[in-house]
């Protein structure tokens, strides 16, 4: 008598291979999603830099510049970043004592040891140096390092 069909062991092996492939795909997609969020945060921070410049043009200085200004553009960008990074952390601002300069930074979505920083000198970059311990919080001259 000839044997037709698959044995239970063969079926289990095929099932395990399929589960393994699906697991690898899901892990890859998760990493891709975080990297995508990081790129969107960088784009939003660039928009924040442009909005801060418009704010200065309207008000005459960076006085009271923060995520809770009465400027709708800045408030919307801050809210978008807050949602993207998933940590309920909007960008943190430091404005110089003479209100002529600012620096803003936020933690990126994929790592708690990477930040994105923008400043009034036009710098915008990702960094692994914590901006809260560097030039970004110096009120005499807040800049991204």
N, C-alpha and C. Protein backbone atom coordinates (compact mmCIF):
# COMPACT_ATOMS: atom_id res chain seq x y z
N UNK A 1 0.83 -1.17 0.00
CA UNK A 1 0.00 0.00 0.00
C UNK A 1 0.89 1.25 0.00
N UNK A 2 0.57 2.18 -0.90
CA UNK A 2 1.38 3.39 -1.00
C UNK A 2 0.87 4.44 -0.01
N UNK A 3 1.80 5.21 0.47
CA UNK A 3 1.50 6.23 1.47
C UNK A 3 1.12 7.52 0.75
N UNK A 4 -0.02 8.13 1.07
CA UNK A 4 -0.45 9.38 0.47
C UNK A 4 -0.62 10.42 1.58
N UNK A 5 -0.28 11.71 1.26
CA UNK A 5 -0.44 12.79 2.22
C UNK A 5 0.81 13.03 3.04
N UNK A 6 0.70 13.91 4.01
CA UNK A 6 1.83 14.31 4.85
C UNK A 6 1.67 13.74 6.25
N UNK A 7 2.80 13.48 6.89
CA UNK A 7 2.76 13.03 8.28
C UNK A 7 2.60 14.23 9.20
N UNK A 8 2.26 13.98 10.43
CA UNK A 8 2.09 15.04 11.41
C UNK A 8 3.40 15.80 11.61
N UNK A 9 4.50 15.14 11.63
CA UNK A 9 5.82 15.77 11.82
C UNK A 9 6.11 16.72 10.66
N UNK A 10 5.84 16.30 9.43
CA UNK A 10 6.07 17.17 8.27
C UNK A 10 5.20 18.42 8.35
N UNK A 11 3.97 18.26 8.75
CA UNK A 11 3.07 19.41 8.89
C UNK A 11 3.56 20.37 9.97
N UNK A 12 4.02 19.84 11.09
CA UNK A 12 4.54 20.69 12.17
C UNK A 12 5.78 21.46 11.73
N UNK A 13 6.66 20.81 10.99
CA UNK A 13 7.87 21.48 10.50
C UNK A 13 7.51 22.63 9.56
N UNK A 14 6.59 22.40 8.65
CA UNK A 14 6.15 23.46 7.73
C UNK A 14 5.51 24.60 8.52
N UNK A 15 4.69 24.28 9.50
CA UNK A 15 4.05 25.30 10.33
C UNK A 15 5.10 26.13 11.07
N UNK A 16 6.10 25.49 11.65
CA UNK A 16 7.15 26.20 12.38
C UNK A 16 7.96 27.10 11.46
N UNK A 17 8.23 26.67 10.24
CA UNK A 17 8.96 27.49 9.28
C UNK A 17 8.14 28.74 8.93
N UNK A 18 6.86 28.57 8.74
CA UNK A 18 5.98 29.71 8.42
C UNK A 18 5.95 30.69 9.59
N UNK A 19 5.84 30.19 10.81
CA UNK A 19 5.83 31.06 11.99
C UNK A 19 7.16 31.82 12.10
N UNK A 20 8.26 31.15 11.83
CA UNK A 20 9.57 31.79 11.88
C UNK A 20 9.68 32.92 10.85
N UNK A 21 9.23 32.67 9.65
CA UNK A 21 9.27 33.68 8.59
C UNK A 21 8.40 34.89 8.97
N UNK A 22 7.22 34.64 9.48
CA UNK A 22 6.32 35.73 9.89
C UNK A 22 6.96 36.54 11.02
N UNK A 23 7.62 35.90 11.97
CA UNK A 23 8.28 36.59 13.07
C UNK A 23 9.38 37.51 12.56
N UNK A 24 10.18 37.02 11.64
CA UNK A 24 11.26 37.83 11.06
C UNK A 24 10.69 39.05 10.34
N UNK A 25 9.63 38.88 9.61
CA UNK A 25 9.00 39.99 8.89
C UNK A 25 8.45 41.02 9.86
N UNK A 26 7.79 40.58 10.92
CA UNK A 26 7.23 41.52 11.90
C UNK A 26 8.32 42.31 12.61
N UNK A 27 9.42 41.68 12.94
CA UNK A 27 10.53 42.38 13.58
C UNK A 27 11.11 43.42 12.63
N UNK A 28 11.26 43.08 11.37
CA UNK A 28 11.78 44.02 10.38
C UNK A 28 10.85 45.21 10.21
N UNK A 29 9.55 44.96 10.17
CA UNK A 29 8.59 46.05 10.01
C UNK A 29 8.60 46.99 11.20
N UNK A 30 8.78 46.46 12.39
CA UNK A 30 8.84 47.29 13.59
C UNK A 30 10.04 48.24 13.52
N UNK A 31 11.18 47.73 13.13
CA UNK A 31 12.38 48.55 13.00
C UNK A 31 12.19 49.61 11.91
N UNK A 32 11.59 49.22 10.80
CA UNK A 32 11.32 50.14 9.71
C UNK A 32 10.39 51.25 10.17
N UNK A 33 9.39 50.91 10.96
CA UNK A 33 8.43 51.91 11.46
C UNK A 33 9.10 52.94 12.35
N UNK A 34 9.97 52.49 13.25
CA UNK A 34 10.68 53.42 14.14
C UNK A 34 11.60 54.35 13.34
N UNK A 35 12.31 53.80 12.34
CA UNK A 35 13.17 54.64 11.51
C UNK A 35 12.36 55.66 10.73
N UNK A 36 11.20 55.24 10.27
CA UNK A 36 10.31 56.16 9.57
C UNK A 36 9.84 57.28 10.50
N UNK A 37 9.51 56.94 11.74
CA UNK A 37 9.10 57.95 12.71
C UNK A 37 10.25 58.93 12.98
N UNK A 38 11.48 58.42 13.07
CA UNK A 38 12.64 59.29 13.28
C UNK A 38 12.78 60.30 12.15
N UNK A 39 12.59 59.85 10.92
CA UNK A 39 12.69 60.75 9.76
C UNK A 39 11.58 61.78 9.79
N UNK A 40 10.39 61.39 10.21
CA UNK A 40 9.28 62.35 10.31
C UNK A 40 9.54 63.35 11.43
N UNK A 41 10.13 62.90 12.54
CA UNK A 41 10.48 63.82 13.63
C UNK A 41 11.49 64.83 13.13
N UNK A 42 12.50 64.38 12.38
CA UNK A 42 13.50 65.29 11.83
C UNK A 42 12.84 66.33 10.92
N UNK A 43 11.91 65.88 10.10
CA UNK A 43 11.19 66.79 9.21
C UNK A 43 10.35 67.79 10.00
N UNK A 44 9.66 67.31 11.03
CA UNK A 44 8.84 68.19 11.88
C UNK A 44 9.72 69.20 12.64
N UNK A 45 10.89 68.75 13.10
CA UNK A 45 11.80 69.67 13.80
C UNK A 45 12.30 70.76 12.84
N UNK A 46 12.50 70.40 11.57
CA UNK A 46 12.88 71.42 10.58
C UNK A 46 11.74 72.41 10.39
N UNK A 47 10.50 71.90 10.38
CA UNK A 47 9.34 72.79 10.31
C UNK A 47 9.26 73.69 11.55
N UNK A 48 9.63 73.14 12.69
CA UNK A 48 9.65 73.91 13.93
C UNK A 48 10.66 75.05 13.83
N UNK A 49 11.82 74.76 13.25
CA UNK A 49 12.85 75.79 13.06
C UNK A 49 12.31 76.91 12.17
N UNK A 50 11.63 76.54 11.10
CA UNK A 50 11.05 77.54 10.19
C UNK A 50 9.94 78.32 10.89
N UNK A 51 9.12 77.62 11.68
CA UNK A 51 8.06 78.30 12.42
C UNK A 51 8.61 79.26 13.46
N UNK A 52 9.72 78.89 14.09
CA UNK A 52 10.35 79.78 15.07
C UNK A 52 10.86 81.05 14.40
N UNK A 53 11.40 80.90 13.18
CA UNK A 53 11.86 82.09 12.45
C UNK A 53 10.68 82.99 12.10
N UNK A 54 9.55 82.39 11.69
CA UNK A 54 8.35 83.18 11.40
C UNK A 54 7.85 83.86 12.68
N UNK A 55 7.92 83.15 13.80
CA UNK A 55 7.52 83.71 15.09
C UNK A 55 8.36 84.94 15.41
N UNK A 56 9.68 84.83 15.19
CA UNK A 56 10.56 85.98 15.45
C UNK A 56 10.22 87.14 14.52
N UNK A 57 9.91 86.85 13.27
CA UNK A 57 9.55 87.91 12.33
C UNK A 57 8.27 88.63 12.77
N UNK A 58 7.32 87.87 13.35
CA UNK A 58 6.06 88.47 13.80
C UNK A 58 6.21 89.23 15.11
N UNK A 59 6.91 88.62 16.08
CA UNK A 59 6.99 89.17 17.43
C UNK A 59 8.20 90.10 17.60
N UNK A 60 9.26 89.84 16.84
CA UNK A 60 10.47 90.66 16.95
C UNK A 60 11.58 90.00 17.75
N UNK A 61 11.26 88.90 18.41
CA UNK A 61 12.28 88.16 19.17
C UNK A 61 11.77 86.74 19.40
N UNK A 62 12.59 85.94 20.07
CA UNK A 62 12.17 84.57 20.42
C UNK A 62 11.57 84.53 21.82
N UNK A 63 11.25 85.70 22.39
CA UNK A 63 10.69 85.76 23.74
C UNK A 63 9.43 84.89 23.84
N UNK A 64 9.36 84.08 24.88
CA UNK A 64 8.24 83.18 25.16
C UNK A 64 8.07 82.06 24.12
N UNK A 65 9.11 81.80 23.30
CA UNK A 65 9.03 80.72 22.33
C UNK A 65 9.01 79.38 23.06
N UNK A 66 7.96 78.60 22.82
CA UNK A 66 7.84 77.27 23.43
C UNK A 66 6.73 76.52 22.69
N UNK A 67 6.47 75.32 23.12
CA UNK A 67 5.40 74.53 22.50
C UNK A 67 4.02 74.98 22.96
N UNK A 68 3.97 75.96 23.84
CA UNK A 68 2.67 76.46 24.28
C UNK A 68 2.53 77.95 23.97
N UNK A 69 3.12 78.38 22.86
CA UNK A 69 2.96 79.76 22.43
C UNK A 69 1.57 79.93 21.85
N UNK A 70 1.24 81.14 21.51
CA UNK A 70 -0.05 81.37 20.87
C UNK A 70 0.09 81.25 19.35
N UNK A 71 1.22 80.71 18.89
CA UNK A 71 1.46 80.53 17.47
C UNK A 71 0.96 79.14 17.06
N UNK A 72 -0.08 79.12 16.23
CA UNK A 72 -0.70 77.85 15.83
C UNK A 72 0.26 76.92 15.11
N UNK A 73 1.16 77.48 14.26
CA UNK A 73 2.10 76.64 13.52
C UNK A 73 3.02 75.87 14.47
N UNK A 74 3.58 76.56 15.44
CA UNK A 74 4.51 75.91 16.38
C UNK A 74 3.76 74.92 17.25
N UNK A 75 2.59 75.29 17.73
CA UNK A 75 1.81 74.39 18.58
C UNK A 75 1.44 73.10 17.85
N UNK A 76 1.07 73.21 16.57
CA UNK A 76 0.69 72.03 15.78
C UNK A 76 1.90 71.13 15.56
N UNK A 77 3.04 71.70 15.21
CA UNK A 77 4.24 70.90 14.99
C UNK A 77 4.65 70.20 16.28
N UNK A 78 4.59 70.90 17.40
CA UNK A 78 4.92 70.29 18.69
C UNK A 78 4.00 69.11 19.00
N UNK A 79 2.72 69.29 18.72
CA UNK A 79 1.76 68.21 18.97
C UNK A 79 2.04 67.01 18.07
N UNK A 80 2.40 67.27 16.81
CA UNK A 80 2.74 66.18 15.89
C UNK A 80 3.96 65.40 16.38
N UNK A 81 4.98 66.12 16.81
CA UNK A 81 6.19 65.48 17.31
C UNK A 81 5.88 64.67 18.55
N UNK A 82 5.05 65.21 19.41
CA UNK A 82 4.66 64.53 20.63
C UNK A 82 4.02 63.17 20.33
N UNK A 83 3.18 63.13 19.32
CA UNK A 83 2.53 61.89 18.92
C UNK A 83 3.54 60.94 18.27
N UNK A 84 4.40 61.47 17.42
CA UNK A 84 5.36 60.63 16.69
C UNK A 84 6.35 59.91 17.59
N UNK A 85 6.88 60.61 18.59
CA UNK A 85 7.93 59.96 19.38
C UNK A 85 7.36 59.02 20.43
N UNK A 86 6.05 59.05 20.62
CA UNK A 86 5.40 58.06 21.46
C UNK A 86 5.76 58.13 22.93
N UNK A 87 6.47 59.15 23.33
CA UNK A 87 6.88 59.23 24.73
C UNK A 87 6.25 60.42 25.43
N UNK A 88 5.26 61.00 24.80
CA UNK A 88 4.58 62.18 25.35
C UNK A 88 5.58 63.26 25.73
N UNK A 89 6.53 63.49 24.84
CA UNK A 89 7.55 64.51 25.09
C UNK A 89 7.64 65.43 23.89
N UNK A 90 7.13 66.65 24.06
CA UNK A 90 7.25 67.66 23.03
C UNK A 90 8.67 68.23 23.08
N UNK A 91 9.09 68.94 22.03
CA UNK A 91 10.43 69.54 22.04
C UNK A 91 10.63 70.48 23.22
N UNK A 92 11.83 70.48 23.76
CA UNK A 92 12.19 71.37 24.86
C UNK A 92 12.97 72.55 24.29
N UNK A 93 12.59 73.76 24.69
CA UNK A 93 13.21 74.98 24.18
C UNK A 93 14.08 75.64 25.23
N UNK A 94 15.16 76.26 24.77
CA UNK A 94 15.94 77.18 25.59
C UNK A 94 16.08 78.46 24.78
N UNK A 95 15.68 79.59 25.35
CA UNK A 95 15.80 80.88 24.69
C UNK A 95 16.85 81.69 25.43
N UNK A 96 17.71 82.39 24.66
CA UNK A 96 18.78 83.18 25.28
C UNK A 96 18.19 84.30 26.13
N UNK A 97 19.00 84.81 27.07
CA UNK A 97 18.52 85.85 27.99
C UNK A 97 18.12 87.12 27.25
N UNK A 98 18.74 87.39 26.10
CA UNK A 98 18.36 88.59 25.34
C UNK A 98 17.31 88.28 24.27
N UNK A 99 16.78 87.05 24.28
CA UNK A 99 15.71 86.60 23.38
C UNK A 99 16.08 86.63 21.89
N UNK A 100 17.38 86.59 21.58
CA UNK A 100 17.81 86.66 20.19
C UNK A 100 18.16 85.29 19.61
N UNK A 101 18.26 84.27 20.46
CA UNK A 101 18.63 82.93 20.00
C UNK A 101 17.79 81.89 20.74
N UNK A 102 17.69 80.71 20.14
CA UNK A 102 17.00 79.61 20.79
C UNK A 102 17.63 78.29 20.36
N UNK A 103 17.32 77.26 21.09
CA UNK A 103 17.68 75.89 20.76
C UNK A 103 16.51 75.02 21.21
N UNK A 104 16.16 74.02 20.39
CA UNK A 104 15.09 73.09 20.74
C UNK A 104 15.54 71.68 20.41
N UNK A 105 15.16 70.73 21.26
CA UNK A 105 15.54 69.34 21.01
C UNK A 105 14.45 68.41 21.50
N UNK A 106 14.50 67.19 20.97
CA UNK A 106 13.54 66.14 21.34
C UNK A 106 14.21 64.79 21.17
N UNK A 107 13.80 63.83 21.98
CA UNK A 107 14.29 62.46 21.84
C UNK A 107 13.63 61.84 20.61
N UNK A 108 14.40 61.07 19.83
CA UNK A 108 13.82 60.41 18.66
C UNK A 108 13.05 59.16 19.09
N UNK A 109 12.24 58.64 18.19
CA UNK A 109 11.35 57.53 18.53
C UNK A 109 12.08 56.21 18.73
N UNK A 110 13.17 56.00 18.00
CA UNK A 110 13.79 54.68 18.02
C UNK A 110 14.80 54.47 19.15
N UNK A 111 15.14 55.54 19.88
CA UNK A 111 16.16 55.38 20.93
C UNK A 111 16.04 56.49 21.96
N UNK A 112 16.25 56.14 23.22
CA UNK A 112 16.23 57.16 24.26
C UNK A 112 17.61 57.79 24.44
N UNK A 113 18.59 57.37 23.64
CA UNK A 113 19.93 57.96 23.73
C UNK A 113 20.31 58.67 22.43
N UNK A 114 19.28 59.08 21.65
CA UNK A 114 19.50 59.90 20.46
C UNK A 114 18.49 61.03 20.46
N UNK A 115 18.93 62.20 20.04
CA UNK A 115 18.08 63.39 20.04
C UNK A 115 18.17 64.08 18.69
N UNK A 116 17.15 64.89 18.40
CA UNK A 116 17.20 65.75 17.23
C UNK A 116 17.15 67.18 17.74
N UNK A 117 18.05 68.00 17.24
CA UNK A 117 18.23 69.35 17.76
C UNK A 117 18.18 70.37 16.62
N UNK A 118 17.52 71.51 16.87
CA UNK A 118 17.51 72.64 15.93
C UNK A 118 17.81 73.90 16.72
N UNK A 119 18.39 74.90 16.03
CA UNK A 119 18.65 76.17 16.72
C UNK A 119 18.49 77.35 15.78
N UNK A 120 18.59 78.54 16.33
CA UNK A 120 18.37 79.76 15.56
C UNK A 120 19.50 80.05 14.57
N UNK A 121 20.63 79.35 14.68
CA UNK A 121 21.72 79.51 13.71
C UNK A 121 21.47 78.68 12.45
N UNK A 122 20.36 77.95 12.40
CA UNK A 122 20.03 77.14 11.24
C UNK A 122 20.51 75.71 11.33
N UNK A 123 21.11 75.35 12.44
CA UNK A 123 21.57 73.97 12.60
C UNK A 123 20.38 73.06 12.88
N UNK A 124 20.40 71.90 12.26
CA UNK A 124 19.41 70.88 12.57
C UNK A 124 20.07 69.54 12.32
N UNK A 125 20.18 68.76 13.38
CA UNK A 125 20.90 67.49 13.26
C UNK A 125 20.50 66.53 14.37
N UNK A 126 20.72 65.25 14.06
CA UNK A 126 20.56 64.21 15.07
C UNK A 126 21.87 64.10 15.82
N UNK A 127 21.78 63.85 17.13
CA UNK A 127 22.98 63.74 17.94
C UNK A 127 22.84 62.64 18.97
N UNK A 128 23.98 62.11 19.39
CA UNK A 128 24.00 61.14 20.48
C UNK A 128 24.46 61.80 21.76
N UNK A 129 24.80 63.09 21.69
CA UNK A 129 25.18 63.85 22.87
C UNK A 129 23.92 64.51 23.44
N UNK A 130 23.61 64.25 24.67
CA UNK A 130 22.39 64.76 25.30
C UNK A 130 22.39 66.29 25.28
N UNK A 131 21.47 66.92 24.53
CA UNK A 131 21.42 68.38 24.46
C UNK A 131 21.15 69.04 25.81
N UNK A 132 20.53 68.32 26.75
CA UNK A 132 20.25 68.92 28.06
C UNK A 132 21.52 69.09 28.89
N UNK A 133 22.62 68.48 28.45
CA UNK A 133 23.89 68.61 29.17
C UNK A 133 24.93 69.37 28.37
N UNK A 134 24.52 69.94 27.23
CA UNK A 134 25.47 70.66 26.37
C UNK A 134 24.98 72.07 26.10
N UNK A 135 25.41 72.65 25.01
CA UNK A 135 25.14 74.04 24.69
C UNK A 135 23.69 74.39 24.49
N UNK A 136 22.82 73.42 24.27
CA UNK A 136 21.42 73.73 24.00
C UNK A 136 20.72 74.34 25.22
N UNK A 137 21.21 74.11 26.40
CA UNK A 137 20.54 74.66 27.60
C UNK A 137 21.29 75.86 28.17
N UNK A 138 22.31 76.34 27.48
CA UNK A 138 23.05 77.51 27.95
C UNK A 138 22.29 78.77 27.52
N UNK A 139 21.75 79.51 28.48
CA UNK A 139 20.92 80.67 28.13
C UNK A 139 21.73 81.82 27.54
N UNK A 140 23.04 81.84 27.74
CA UNK A 140 23.85 82.90 27.14
C UNK A 140 23.95 82.71 25.63
N UNK A 141 24.03 81.46 25.18
CA UNK A 141 24.18 81.19 23.76
C UNK A 141 23.69 79.77 23.45
N UNK A 142 22.38 79.56 23.40
CA UNK A 142 21.86 78.20 23.19
C UNK A 142 22.04 77.74 21.73
N UNK A 143 22.84 76.70 21.53
CA UNK A 143 23.08 76.14 20.21
C UNK A 143 23.16 74.63 20.27
N UNK A 144 22.90 74.00 19.13
CA UNK A 144 23.09 72.55 19.01
C UNK A 144 24.57 72.30 18.79
N UNK A 145 25.10 71.33 19.50
CA UNK A 145 26.51 70.98 19.31
C UNK A 145 26.64 69.75 18.47
